[in-house]
Amino acid sequence: MGKINAKMCFLLIVLAFIIYGCSNEKNNFGPLRSAHNHADIKVYILGNAIDFSLPQYQLQDKLTHFENWDGDVVHTHATGITLGYIFKTLGMEITEECIKTDKGSKYCSEDNAMLKVFVKNRNSDWEIISYAPNYVIQDMDKILVTYGTESEEGIKEQMESVTDKAKESSMAKG
């Protein structure tokens, strides 16, 4: 009976490693320097913007980061970088329904307060993204993540607060 339990335990451990390996998000990314993209991003929680220019958000990962004390432009240095991965590198989490801050506060869509993610690609209008964690960042994207009870007009104002600095960064890389 002890040999069966040991074999079962071994199989469960192997299975756990296989599942973890297959779900490891970094496996889907290209190698470092396979891309060099810039995206403007703004995150609001209950009407307050998160200041990504603060030290705890700067240069947190080789593949994607904020740098030079600029909290408006996220840099990606590999293909396939997702919005979910960016949040993960900052000690945060974003799901389809919730956003969790690096301080541990969790905000989920309920009643009137909603989590919404919008993206404006080059030469397009703002679009709502249905499953934000899997959205792959593109060069010169404009991204708005907002949680709260904002009206359509309030969300429009937040969209206008997303900068155009990524264009400058992308042109400078050329």
Protein backbone atom coordinates (compact mmCIF):
# COMPACT_ATOMS: atom_id res chain seq x y z
CA MET A 1 0.00 0.00 0.00
CA GLY A 2 2.91 2.36 0.75
CA LYS A 3 4.37 1.85 -2.74
CA ILE A 4 1.04 2.80 -4.35
CA ASN A 5 0.83 6.02 -2.29
CA ALA A 6 4.44 6.88 -3.16
CA LYS A 7 3.77 6.30 -6.88
CA MET A 8 0.57 8.34 -6.70
CA CYS A 9 2.40 11.16 -4.91
CA PHE A 10 5.18 11.07 -7.53
CA LEU A 11 2.64 11.19 -10.37
CA LEU A 12 0.85 14.14 -8.77
CA ILE A 13 4.13 16.03 -8.44
CA VAL A 14 5.03 15.35 -12.08
CA LEU A 15 1.55 16.43 -13.17
CA ALA A 16 1.87 19.65 -11.16
CA PHE A 17 5.18 20.45 -12.87
CA ILE A 18 3.65 19.78 -16.30
CA ILE A 19 0.63 21.99 -15.58
CA TYR A 20 2.81 24.78 -14.17
CA GLY A 21 5.19 24.59 -17.12
CA CYS A 22 2.36 24.77 -19.64
CA SER A 23 0.69 27.68 -17.91
CA ASN A 24 3.86 29.68 -17.34
CA GLU A 25 3.04 32.90 -19.18
CA LYS A 26 6.68 33.71 -20.04
CA ASN A 27 6.78 30.61 -22.28
CA ASN A 28 4.55 32.40 -24.80
CA PHE A 29 6.90 35.36 -25.21
CA GLY A 30 9.62 35.80 -27.74
CA PRO A 31 13.21 36.15 -26.55
CA LEU A 32 14.51 39.36 -25.04
CA ARG A 33 14.99 41.98 -27.79
CA SER A 34 12.58 40.23 -30.20
CA ALA A 35 10.51 43.45 -30.08
CA HIS A 36 10.90 47.03 -28.95
CA ASN A 37 7.44 48.49 -28.55
CA HIS A 38 5.98 51.38 -26.60
CA ALA A 39 2.39 51.86 -25.43
CA ASP A 40 0.70 54.69 -23.58
CA ILE A 41 -1.23 53.42 -20.57
CA LYS A 42 -3.36 54.90 -17.82
CA VAL A 43 -4.99 52.96 -14.97
CA TYR A 44 -7.76 54.46 -12.87
CA ILE A 45 -9.29 52.95 -9.74
CA LEU A 46 -12.33 54.75 -8.38
CA GLY A 47 -11.36 57.85 -10.35
CA ASN A 48 -7.74 57.94 -9.12
CA ALA A 49 -4.89 57.34 -11.56
CA ILE A 50 -2.07 55.00 -10.51
CA ASP A 51 1.26 56.82 -10.73
CA PHE A 52 3.58 54.40 -12.53
CA SER A 53 6.42 56.94 -12.36
CA LEU A 54 6.99 55.95 -8.70
CA PRO A 55 10.14 53.90 -7.98
CA GLN A 56 8.25 50.66 -7.17
CA TYR A 57 6.95 50.53 -10.75
CA GLN A 58 10.19 51.38 -12.59
CA LEU A 59 12.34 48.73 -14.35
CA GLN A 60 10.65 45.75 -12.67
CA ASP A 61 11.25 43.28 -15.51
CA LYS A 62 13.61 42.82 -18.47
CA LEU A 63 10.84 42.00 -20.94
CA THR A 64 8.49 44.87 -20.08
CA HIS A 65 8.72 47.90 -17.83
CA PHE A 66 8.32 51.60 -17.18
CA GLU A 67 11.59 53.52 -17.24
CA ASN A 68 13.19 56.96 -16.85
CA TRP A 69 10.61 57.94 -14.21
CA ASP A 70 7.95 58.06 -16.92
CA GLY A 71 4.74 56.37 -15.79
CA ASP A 72 2.84 56.98 -19.03
CA VAL A 73 4.71 54.68 -21.44
CA VAL A 74 5.25 50.97 -20.97
CA HIS A 75 8.16 49.45 -22.90
CA THR A 76 8.08 45.87 -24.21
CA HIS A 77 11.26 44.11 -25.32
CA ALA A 78 9.81 40.78 -26.44
CA THR A 79 7.00 39.67 -28.72
CA GLY A 80 3.77 38.45 -27.19
CA ILE A 81 3.82 40.58 -24.00
CA THR A 82 0.32 40.70 -22.55
CA LEU A 83 -1.42 43.24 -20.38
CA GLY A 84 -1.77 40.55 -17.72
CA TYR A 85 1.99 40.00 -17.67
CA ILE A 86 2.68 43.73 -17.34
CA PHE A 87 0.43 43.86 -14.28
CA LYS A 88 2.10 40.75 -12.86
CA THR A 89 5.56 42.36 -13.09
CA LEU A 90 4.23 45.25 -11.01
CA GLY A 91 2.88 43.00 -8.25
CA MET A 92 -0.64 43.56 -9.54
CA GLU A 93 -3.21 41.36 -11.23
CA ILE A 94 -5.90 41.91 -13.82
CA THR A 95 -8.59 39.40 -14.75
CA GLU A 96 -11.71 39.69 -16.84
CA GLU A 97 -13.68 40.98 -13.83
CA CYS A 98 -11.12 42.23 -11.26
CA ILE A 99 -8.03 44.31 -10.73
CA LYS A 100 -5.75 43.76 -7.73
CA THR A 101 -3.28 46.44 -6.74
CA ASP A 102 0.27 45.95 -5.50
CA LYS A 103 -1.07 46.89 -2.04
CA GLY A 104 -3.41 43.87 -2.12
CA SER A 105 -6.69 45.74 -2.63
CA LYS A 106 -9.00 43.93 -5.04
CA TYR A 107 -11.71 45.63 -7.08
CA CYS A 108 -14.22 43.48 -8.95
CA SER A 109 -17.09 44.34 -11.27
CA GLU A 110 -20.31 44.37 -9.28
CA ASP A 111 -23.47 46.45 -9.12
CA ASN A 112 -22.57 49.84 -10.66
CA ALA A 113 -18.78 49.62 -10.33
CA MET A 114 -17.21 47.98 -13.35
CA LEU A 115 -13.75 47.08 -14.61
CA LYS A 116 -13.35 48.15 -18.22
CA VAL A 117 -10.33 48.04 -20.49
CA PHE A 118 -10.11 50.06 -23.67
CA VAL A 119 -7.43 50.02 -26.38
CA LYS A 120 -6.85 52.44 -29.22
CA ASN A 121 -4.53 50.98 -31.84
CA ARG A 122 -2.70 53.05 -34.40
CA ASN A 123 -5.24 54.57 -36.84
CA SER A 124 -8.31 53.22 -35.03
CA ASP A 125 -10.91 54.27 -32.48
CA TRP A 126 -11.13 53.19 -28.85
CA GLU A 127 -12.38 49.61 -28.44
CA ILE A 128 -13.39 47.76 -25.30
CA ILE A 129 -11.33 44.61 -24.71
CA SER A 130 -13.29 41.60 -23.46
CA TYR A 131 -10.47 39.53 -21.89
CA ALA A 132 -7.82 42.07 -20.97
CA PRO A 133 -5.18 39.79 -19.38
CA ASN A 134 -4.51 38.13 -22.75
CA TYR A 135 -4.35 41.32 -24.79
CA VAL A 136 -0.95 41.45 -26.56
CA ILE A 137 0.60 44.92 -26.43
CA GLN A 138 1.21 46.51 -29.85
CA ASP A 139 3.54 49.37 -30.70
CA MET A 140 1.92 52.76 -30.05
CA ASP A 141 -1.20 51.33 -28.40
CA LYS A 142 -3.15 53.62 -26.11
CA ILE A 143 -4.56 51.63 -23.18
CA LEU A 144 -7.07 52.69 -20.55
CA VAL A 145 -7.88 50.44 -17.59
CA THR A 146 -10.65 51.87 -15.45
CA TYR A 147 -12.55 50.56 -12.44
CA GLY A 148 -15.42 52.54 -10.99
CA THR A 149 -18.80 54.07 -11.66
CA GLU A 150 -17.74 56.59 -14.30
CA SER A 151 -20.30 57.76 -16.81
CA GLU A 152 -19.60 57.65 -20.53
CA GLU A 153 -18.42 61.28 -20.26
CA GLY A 154 -16.11 60.38 -17.34
CA ILE A 155 -14.58 57.52 -19.32
CA LYS A 156 -14.12 59.87 -22.30
CA GLU A 157 -12.16 62.25 -20.04
CA GLN A 158 -10.00 59.36 -18.83
CA MET A 159 -9.35 58.34 -22.45
CA GLU A 160 -8.21 61.89 -23.18
CA SER A 161 -5.73 61.66 -20.28
CA VAL A 162 -3.86 58.80 -21.97
CA THR A 163 -0.78 60.46 -23.46
CA ASP A 164 0.78 60.23 -26.92
CA LYS A 165 4.32 59.80 -25.60
CA ALA A 166 4.69 56.31 -27.09
CA LYS A 167 4.89 57.85 -30.57
CA GLU A 168 7.95 59.84 -29.51
CA SER A 169 9.58 56.79 -27.93
CA SER A 170 8.87 54.61 -30.96
CA MET A 171 10.23 57.21 -33.37
CA ALA A 172 13.37 57.63 -31.24
CA LYS A 173 14.09 53.86 -31.33
CA GLY A 174 14.26 53.94 -35.15
